[in-house]
Amino acid sequence: MLGILKIGGGLGAIVALILLIVALLKQIVVLLGFLLAAVKIGIIVIFVAVLVMIVLAICRDRARKRREASEF
């Protein structure tokens, strides 16, 4: 009788360990998905910021050229 309980306890520990590993892997996958989404959003924000800076530089250059043309 004691042997059966010992075997059942060992198998239960292995099953519990496997289930714990599966749960942790699910959490890691969720975390990686969140981090990838954050990186993608960051790249989009940086891209938009660069585009805005380019547009501002073009507008500033046109205004400067208009001022120079009106001075002469």
PDB file of N, CA and C in Angstrom:
ATOM      1  N   MET A   1       0.821  -1.195   0.000  1.00  0.00           N
ATOM      2  CA  MET A   1       0.000   0.000   0.000  1.00  0.00           C
ATOM      3  C   MET A   1       0.861   1.253   0.000  1.00  0.00           C
ATOM      4  N   LEU A   2       1.916   1.224   0.777  1.00  0.00           N
ATOM      5  CA  LEU A   2       2.799   2.379   0.868  1.00  0.00           C
ATOM      6  C   LEU A   2       3.496   2.636  -0.469  1.00  0.00           C
ATOM      7  N   GLY A   3       3.828   1.559  -1.183  1.00  0.00           N
ATOM      8  CA  GLY A   3       4.477   1.702  -2.490  1.00  0.00           C
ATOM      9  C   GLY A   3       3.580   2.395  -3.502  1.00  0.00           C
ATOM     10  N   ILE A   4       2.300   2.092  -3.476  1.00  0.00           N
ATOM     11  CA  ILE A   4       1.340   2.714  -4.406  1.00  0.00           C
ATOM     12  C   ILE A   4       1.242   4.207  -4.128  1.00  0.00           C
ATOM     13  N   LEU A   5       1.196   4.577  -2.857  1.00  0.00           N
ATOM     14  CA  LEU A   5       1.125   5.996  -2.503  1.00  0.00           C
ATOM     15  C   LEU A   5       2.396   6.730  -2.911  1.00  0.00           C
ATOM     16  N   LYS A   6       3.540   6.056  -2.768  1.00  0.00           N
ATOM     17  CA  LYS A   6       4.814   6.667  -3.138  1.00  0.00           C
ATOM     18  C   LYS A   6       4.875   6.905  -4.648  1.00  0.00           C
ATOM     19  N   ILE A   7       4.440   5.920  -5.429  1.00  0.00           N
ATOM     20  CA  ILE A   7       4.436   6.061  -6.888  1.00  0.00           C
ATOM     21  C   ILE A   7       3.462   7.155  -7.311  1.00  0.00           C
ATOM     22  N   GLY A   8       2.280   7.173  -6.692  1.00  0.00           N
ATOM     23  CA  GLY A   8       1.283   8.209  -7.010  1.00  0.00           C
ATOM     24  C   GLY A   8       1.795   9.594  -6.660  1.00  0.00           C
ATOM     25  N   GLY A   9       2.504   9.724  -5.558  1.00  0.00           N
ATOM     26  CA  GLY A   9       3.064  11.017  -5.168  1.00  0.00           C
ATOM     27  C   GLY A   9       4.131  11.477  -6.141  1.00  0.00           C
ATOM     28  N   GLY A  10       4.952  10.562  -6.591  1.00  0.00           N
ATOM     29  CA  GLY A  10       5.996  10.907  -7.562  1.00  0.00           C
ATOM     30  C   GLY A  10       5.411  11.330  -8.888  1.00  0.00           C
ATOM     31  N   LEU A  11       4.398  10.577  -9.349  1.00  0.00           N
ATOM     32  CA  LEU A  11       3.750  10.935 -10.610  1.00  0.00           C
ATOM     33  C   LEU A  11       3.009  12.267 -10.490  1.00  0.00           C
ATOM     34  N   GLY A  12       2.385  12.485  -9.335  1.00  0.00           N
ATOM     35  CA  GLY A  12       1.682  13.751  -9.115  1.00  0.00           C
ATOM     36  C   GLY A  12       2.636  14.924  -9.135  1.00  0.00           C
ATOM     37  N   ALA A  13       3.830  14.744  -8.573  1.00  0.00           N
ATOM     38  CA  ALA A  13       4.831  15.816  -8.573  1.00  0.00           C
ATOM     39  C   ALA A  13       5.297  16.109  -9.996  1.00  0.00           C
ATOM     40  N   ILE A  14       5.488  15.065 -10.788  1.00  0.00           N
ATOM     41  CA  ILE A  14       5.929  15.258 -12.180  1.00  0.00           C
ATOM     42  C   ILE A  14       4.842  15.972 -12.978  1.00  0.00           C
ATOM     43  N   VAL A  15       3.595  15.555 -12.804  1.00  0.00           N
ATOM     44  CA  VAL A  15       2.476  16.190 -13.505  1.00  0.00           C
ATOM     45  C   VAL A  15       2.357  17.652 -13.082  1.00  0.00           C
ATOM     46  N   ALA A  16       2.481  17.924 -11.785  1.00  0.00           N
ATOM     47  CA  ALA A  16       2.398  19.300 -11.297  1.00  0.00           C
ATOM     48  C   ALA A  16       3.528  20.149 -11.867  1.00  0.00           C
ATOM     49  N   LEU A  17       4.723  19.583 -11.949  1.00  0.00           N
ATOM     50  CA  LEU A  17       5.867  20.303 -12.518  1.00  0.00           C
ATOM     51  C   LEU A  17       5.651  20.603 -13.992  1.00  0.00           C
ATOM     52  N   ILE A  18       5.128  19.650 -14.727  1.00  0.00           N
ATOM     53  CA  ILE A  18       4.852  19.859 -16.151  1.00  0.00           C
ATOM     54  C   ILE A  18       3.797  20.956 -16.331  1.00  0.00           C
ATOM     55  N   LEU A  19       2.740  20.906 -15.531  1.00  0.00           N
ATOM     56  CA  LEU A  19       1.696  21.928 -15.636  1.00  0.00           C
ATOM     57  C   LEU A  19       2.228  23.311 -15.257  1.00  0.00           C
ATOM     58  N   LEU A  20       3.114  23.360 -14.277  1.00  0.00           N
ATOM     59  CA  LEU A  20       3.726  24.634 -13.890  1.00  0.00           C
ATOM     60  C   LEU A  20       4.580  25.184 -15.017  1.00  0.00           C
ATOM     61  N   ILE A  21       5.342  24.344 -15.672  1.00  0.00           N
ATOM     62  CA  ILE A  21       6.183  24.779 -16.800  1.00  0.00           C
ATOM     63  C   ILE A  21       5.310  25.286 -17.945  1.00  0.00           C
ATOM     64  N   VAL A  22       4.220  24.596 -18.229  1.00  0.00           N
ATOM     65  CA  VAL A  22       3.310  25.031 -19.293  1.00  0.00           C
ATOM     66  C   VAL A  22       2.711  26.392 -18.959  1.00  0.00           C
ATOM     67  N   ALA A  23       2.311  26.596 -17.714  1.00  0.00           N
ATOM     68  CA  ALA A  23       1.731  27.875 -17.308  1.00  0.00           C
ATOM     69  C   ALA A  23       2.761  28.992 -17.420  1.00  0.00           C
ATOM     70  N   LEU A  24       3.986  28.717 -17.024  1.00  0.00           N
ATOM     71  CA  LEU A  24       5.041  29.732 -17.127  1.00  0.00           C
ATOM     72  C   LEU A  24       5.364  30.054 -18.580  1.00  0.00           C
ATOM     73  N   LEU A  25       5.353  29.051 -19.431  1.00  0.00           N
ATOM     74  CA  LEU A  25       5.615  29.301 -20.852  1.00  0.00           C
ATOM     75  C   LEU A  25       4.512  30.158 -21.464  1.00  0.00           C
ATOM     76  N   LYS A  26       3.275  29.939 -21.048  1.00  0.00           N
ATOM     77  CA  LYS A  26       2.176  30.772 -21.544  1.00  0.00           C
ATOM     78  C   LYS A  26       2.386  32.221 -21.128  1.00  0.00           C
ATOM     79  N   GLN A  27       2.802  32.432 -19.901  1.00  0.00           N
ATOM     80  CA  GLN A  27       3.048  33.795 -19.421  1.00  0.00           C
ATOM     81  C   GLN A  27       4.201  34.447 -20.180  1.00  0.00           C
ATOM     82  N   ILE A  28       5.236  33.671 -20.481  1.00  0.00           N
ATOM     83  CA  ILE A  28       6.368  34.214 -21.245  1.00  0.00           C
ATOM     84  C   ILE A  28       5.921  34.596 -22.648  1.00  0.00           C
ATOM     85  N   VAL A  29       5.087  33.787 -23.270  1.00  0.00           N
ATOM     86  CA  VAL A  29       4.578  34.105 -24.607  1.00  0.00           C
ATOM     87  C   VAL A  29       3.752  35.387 -24.572  1.00  0.00           C
ATOM     88  N   VAL A  30       2.919  35.542 -23.566  1.00  0.00           N
ATOM     89  CA  VAL A  30       2.113  36.759 -23.434  1.00  0.00           C
ATOM     90  C   VAL A  30       3.016  37.970 -23.237  1.00  0.00           C
ATOM     91  N   LEU A  31       4.031  37.831 -22.398  1.00  0.00           N
ATOM     92  CA  LEU A  31       4.965  38.932 -22.155  1.00  0.00           C
ATOM     93  C   LEU A  31       5.711  39.312 -23.422  1.00  0.00           C
ATOM     94  N   LEU A  32       6.175  38.322 -24.172  1.00  0.00           N
ATOM     95  CA  LEU A  32       6.879  38.608 -25.427  1.00  0.00           C
ATOM     96  C   LEU A  32       5.951  39.275 -26.437  1.00  0.00           C
ATOM     97  N   GLY A  33       4.706  38.852 -26.480  1.00  0.00           N
ATOM     98  CA  GLY A  33       3.741  39.493 -27.373  1.00  0.00           C
ATOM     99  C   GLY A  33       3.536  40.952 -27.003  1.00  0.00           C
ATOM    100  N   PHE A  34       3.428  41.232 -25.710  1.00  0.00           N
ATOM    101  CA  PHE A  34       3.279  42.619 -25.258  1.00  0.00           C
ATOM    102  C   PHE A  34       4.510  43.441 -25.601  1.00  0.00           C
ATOM    103  N   LEU A  35       5.687  42.881 -25.381  1.00  0.00           N
ATOM    104  CA  LEU A  35       6.919  43.618 -25.689  1.00  0.00           C
ATOM    105  C   LEU A  35       7.057  43.878 -27.186  1.00  0.00           C
ATOM    106  N   LEU A  36       6.695  42.906 -28.003  1.00  0.00           N
ATOM    107  CA  LEU A  36       6.759  43.115 -29.452  1.00  0.00           C
ATOM    108  C   LEU A  36       5.779  44.201 -29.891  1.00  0.00           C
ATOM    109  N   ALA A  37       4.590  44.215 -29.307  1.00  0.00           N
ATOM    110  CA  ALA A  37       3.621  45.257 -29.633  1.00  0.00           C
ATOM    111  C   ALA A  37       4.142  46.623 -29.204  1.00  0.00           C
ATOM    112  N   ALA A  38       4.777  46.694 -28.036  1.00  0.00           N
ATOM    113  CA  ALA A  38       5.341  47.965 -27.567  1.00  0.00           C
ATOM    114  C   ALA A  38       6.449  48.445 -28.495  1.00  0.00           C
ATOM    115  N   VAL A  39       7.287  47.538 -28.963  1.00  0.00           N
ATOM    116  CA  VAL A  39       8.365  47.912 -29.889  1.00  0.00           C
ATOM    117  C   VAL A  39       7.778  48.407 -31.208  1.00  0.00           C
ATOM    118  N   LYS A  40       6.755  47.738 -31.713  1.00  0.00           N
ATOM    119  CA  LYS A  40       6.124  48.160 -32.972  1.00  0.00           C
ATOM    120  C   LYS A  40       5.517  49.553 -32.829  1.00  0.00           C
ATOM    121  N   ILE A  41       4.829  49.801 -31.720  1.00  0.00           N
ATOM    122  CA  ILE A  41       4.241  51.120 -31.496  1.00  0.00           C
ATOM    123  C   ILE A  41       5.335  52.173 -31.390  1.00  0.00           C
ATOM    124  N   GLY A  42       6.433  51.838 -30.721  1.00  0.00           N
ATOM    125  CA  GLY A  42       7.559  52.765 -30.614  1.00  0.00           C
ATOM    126  C   GLY A  42       8.148  53.099 -31.972  1.00  0.00           C
ATOM    127  N   ILE A  43       8.287  52.115 -32.834  1.00  0.00           N
ATOM    128  CA  ILE A  43       8.823  52.352 -34.179  1.00  0.00           C
ATOM    129  C   ILE A  43       7.883  53.260 -34.957  1.00  0.00           C
ATOM    130  N   ILE A  44       6.582  53.047 -34.845  1.00  0.00           N
ATOM    131  CA  ILE A  44       5.616  53.886 -35.556  1.00  0.00           C
ATOM    132  C   ILE A  44       5.684  55.321 -35.048  1.00  0.00           C
ATOM    133  N   VAL A  45       5.794  55.504 -33.734  1.00  0.00           N
ATOM    134  CA  VAL A  45       5.870  56.856 -33.168  1.00  0.00           C
ATOM    135  C   VAL A  45       7.133  57.564 -33.648  1.00  0.00           C
ATOM    136  N   ILE A  46       8.253  56.865 -33.667  1.00  0.00           N
ATOM    137  CA  ILE A  46       9.502  57.464 -34.148  1.00  0.00           C
ATOM    138  C   ILE A  46       9.387  57.816 -35.622  1.00  0.00           C
ATOM    139  N   PHE A  47       8.774  56.960 -36.422  1.00  0.00           N
ATOM    140  CA  PHE A  47       8.604  57.227 -37.848  1.00  0.00           C
ATOM    141  C   PHE A  47       7.757  58.475 -38.071  1.00  0.00           C
ATOM    142  N   VAL A  48       6.660  58.595 -37.333  1.00  0.00           N
ATOM    143  CA  VAL A  48       5.801  59.772 -37.458  1.00  0.00           C
ATOM    144  C   VAL A  48       6.560  61.026 -37.027  1.00  0.00           C
ATOM    145  N   ALA A  49       7.344  60.931 -35.965  1.00  0.00           N
ATOM    146  CA  ALA A  49       8.120  62.082 -35.502  1.00  0.00           C
ATOM    147  C   ALA A  49       9.128  62.522 -36.562  1.00  0.00           C
ATOM    148  N   VAL A  50       9.777  61.577 -37.217  1.00  0.00           N
ATOM    149  CA  VAL A  50      10.737  61.919 -38.277  1.00  0.00           C
ATOM    150  C   VAL A  50      10.014  62.578 -39.447  1.00  0.00           C
ATOM    151  N   LEU A  51       8.852  62.068 -39.824  1.00  0.00           N
ATOM    152  CA  LEU A  51       8.093  62.677 -40.915  1.00  0.00           C
ATOM    153  C   LEU A  51       7.692  64.113 -40.573  1.00  0.00           C
ATOM    154  N   VAL A  52       7.254  64.345 -39.334  1.00  0.00           N
ATOM    155  CA  VAL A  52       6.872  65.694 -38.915  1.00  0.00           C
ATOM    156  C   VAL A  52       8.084  66.614 -38.950  1.00  0.00           C
ATOM    157  N   MET A  53       9.239  66.128 -38.512  1.00  0.00           N
ATOM    158  CA  MET A  53      10.452  66.949 -38.551  1.00  0.00           C
ATOM    159  C   MET A  53      10.836  67.299 -39.984  1.00  0.00           C
ATOM    160  N   ILE A  54      10.666  66.372 -40.911  1.00  0.00           N
ATOM    161  CA  ILE A  54      10.982  66.642 -42.314  1.00  0.00           C
ATOM    162  C   ILE A  54      10.042  67.706 -42.868  1.00  0.00           C
ATOM    163  N   VAL A  55       8.744  67.574 -42.573  1.00  0.00           N
ATOM    164  CA  VAL A  55       7.765  68.559 -43.053  1.00  0.00           C
ATOM    165  C   VAL A  55       8.068  69.935 -42.467  1.00  0.00           C
ATOM    166  N   LEU A  56       8.392  70.003 -41.195  1.00  0.00           N
ATOM    167  CA  LEU A  56       8.737  71.285 -40.573  1.00  0.00           C
ATOM    168  C   LEU A  56       9.991  71.894 -41.197  1.00  0.00           C
ATOM    169  N   ALA A  57      10.973  71.070 -41.494  1.00  0.00           N
ATOM    170  CA  ALA A  57      12.194  71.566 -42.123  1.00  0.00           C
ATOM    171  C   ALA A  57      11.899  72.117 -43.517  1.00  0.00           C
ATOM    172  N   ILE A  58      11.047  71.443 -44.266  1.00  0.00           N
ATOM    173  CA  ILE A  58      10.683  71.922 -45.609  1.00  0.00           C
ATOM    174  C   ILE A  58       9.948  73.254 -45.513  1.00  0.00           C
ATOM    175  N   CYS A  59       8.978  73.341 -44.583  1.00  0.00           N
ATOM    176  CA  CYS A  59       8.224  74.599 -44.423  1.00  0.00           C
ATOM    177  C   CYS A  59       9.137  75.733 -43.988  1.00  0.00           C
ATOM    178  N   ARG A  60      10.045  75.474 -43.074  1.00  0.00           N
ATOM    179  CA  ARG A  60      10.974  76.504 -42.604  1.00  0.00           C
ATOM    180  C   ARG A  60      11.885  76.970 -43.738  1.00  0.00           C
ATOM    181  N   ASP A  61      12.345  76.045 -44.560  1.00  0.00           N
ATOM    182  CA  ASP A  61      13.216  76.401 -45.686  1.00  0.00           C
ATOM    183  C   ASP A  61      12.460  77.244 -46.705  1.00  0.00           C
ATOM    184  N   ARG A  62      11.206  76.895 -46.982  1.00  0.00           N
ATOM    185  CA  ARG A  62      10.409  77.695 -47.923  1.00  0.00           C
ATOM    186  C   ARG A  62      10.178  79.100 -47.386  1.00  0.00           C
ATOM    187  N   ALA A  63       9.892  79.223 -46.100  1.00  0.00           N
ATOM    188  CA  ALA A  63       9.680  80.545 -45.502  1.00  0.00           C
ATOM    189  C   ALA A  63      10.966  81.360 -45.556  1.00  0.00           C
ATOM    190  N   ARG A  64      12.095  80.735 -45.315  1.00  0.00           N
ATOM    191  CA  ARG A  64      13.374  81.444 -45.369  1.00  0.00           C
ATOM    192  C   ARG A  64      13.668  81.910 -46.791  1.00  0.00           C
ATOM    193  N   LYS A  65      13.375  81.072 -47.768  1.00  0.00           N
ATOM    194  CA  LYS A  65      13.614  81.463 -49.167  1.00  0.00           C
ATOM    195  C   LYS A  65      12.692  82.613 -49.570  1.00  0.00           C
ATOM    196  N   ARG A  66      11.437  82.610 -49.077  1.00  0.00           N
ATOM    197  CA  ARG A  66      10.517  83.710 -49.382  1.00  0.00           C
ATOM    198  C   ARG A  66      11.013  85.015 -48.772  1.00  0.00           C
ATOM    199  N   ARG A  67      11.527  84.952 -47.537  1.00  0.00           N
ATOM    200  CA  ARG A  67      12.052  86.158 -46.890  1.00  0.00           C
ATOM    201  C   ARG A  67      13.255  86.691 -47.643  1.00  0.00           C
ATOM    202  N   GLU A  68      14.140  85.787 -48.070  1.00  0.00           N
ATOM    203  CA  GLU A  68      15.334  86.209 -48.818  1.00  0.00           C
ATOM    204  C   GLU A  68      14.926  86.817 -50.165  1.00  0.00           C
ATOM    205  N   ALA A  69      13.919  86.253 -50.804  1.00  0.00           N
ATOM    206  CA  ALA A  69      13.489  86.766 -52.104  1.00  0.00           C
ATOM    207  C   ALA A  69      12.826  88.133 -51.955  1.00  0.00           C
ATOM    208  N   SER A  70      12.107  88.343 -50.862  1.00  0.00           N
ATOM    209  CA  SER A  70      11.434  89.630 -50.683  1.00  0.00           C
ATOM    210  C   SER A  70      12.407  90.718 -50.246  1.00  0.00           C
ATOM    211  N   GLU A  71      13.539  90.373 -49.674  1.00  0.00           N
ATOM    212  CA  GLU A  71      14.542  91.357 -49.258  1.00  0.00           C
ATOM    213  C   GLU A  71      15.237  91.972 -50.466  1.00  0.00           C
ATOM    214  N   PHE A  72      15.397  91.250 -51.534  1.00  0.00           N
ATOM    215  CA  PHE A  72      16.122  91.783 -52.702  1.00  0.00           C
ATOM    216  C   PHE A  72      15.251  92.511 -53.634  1.00  0.00           C
TER     217      PHE A  72
END
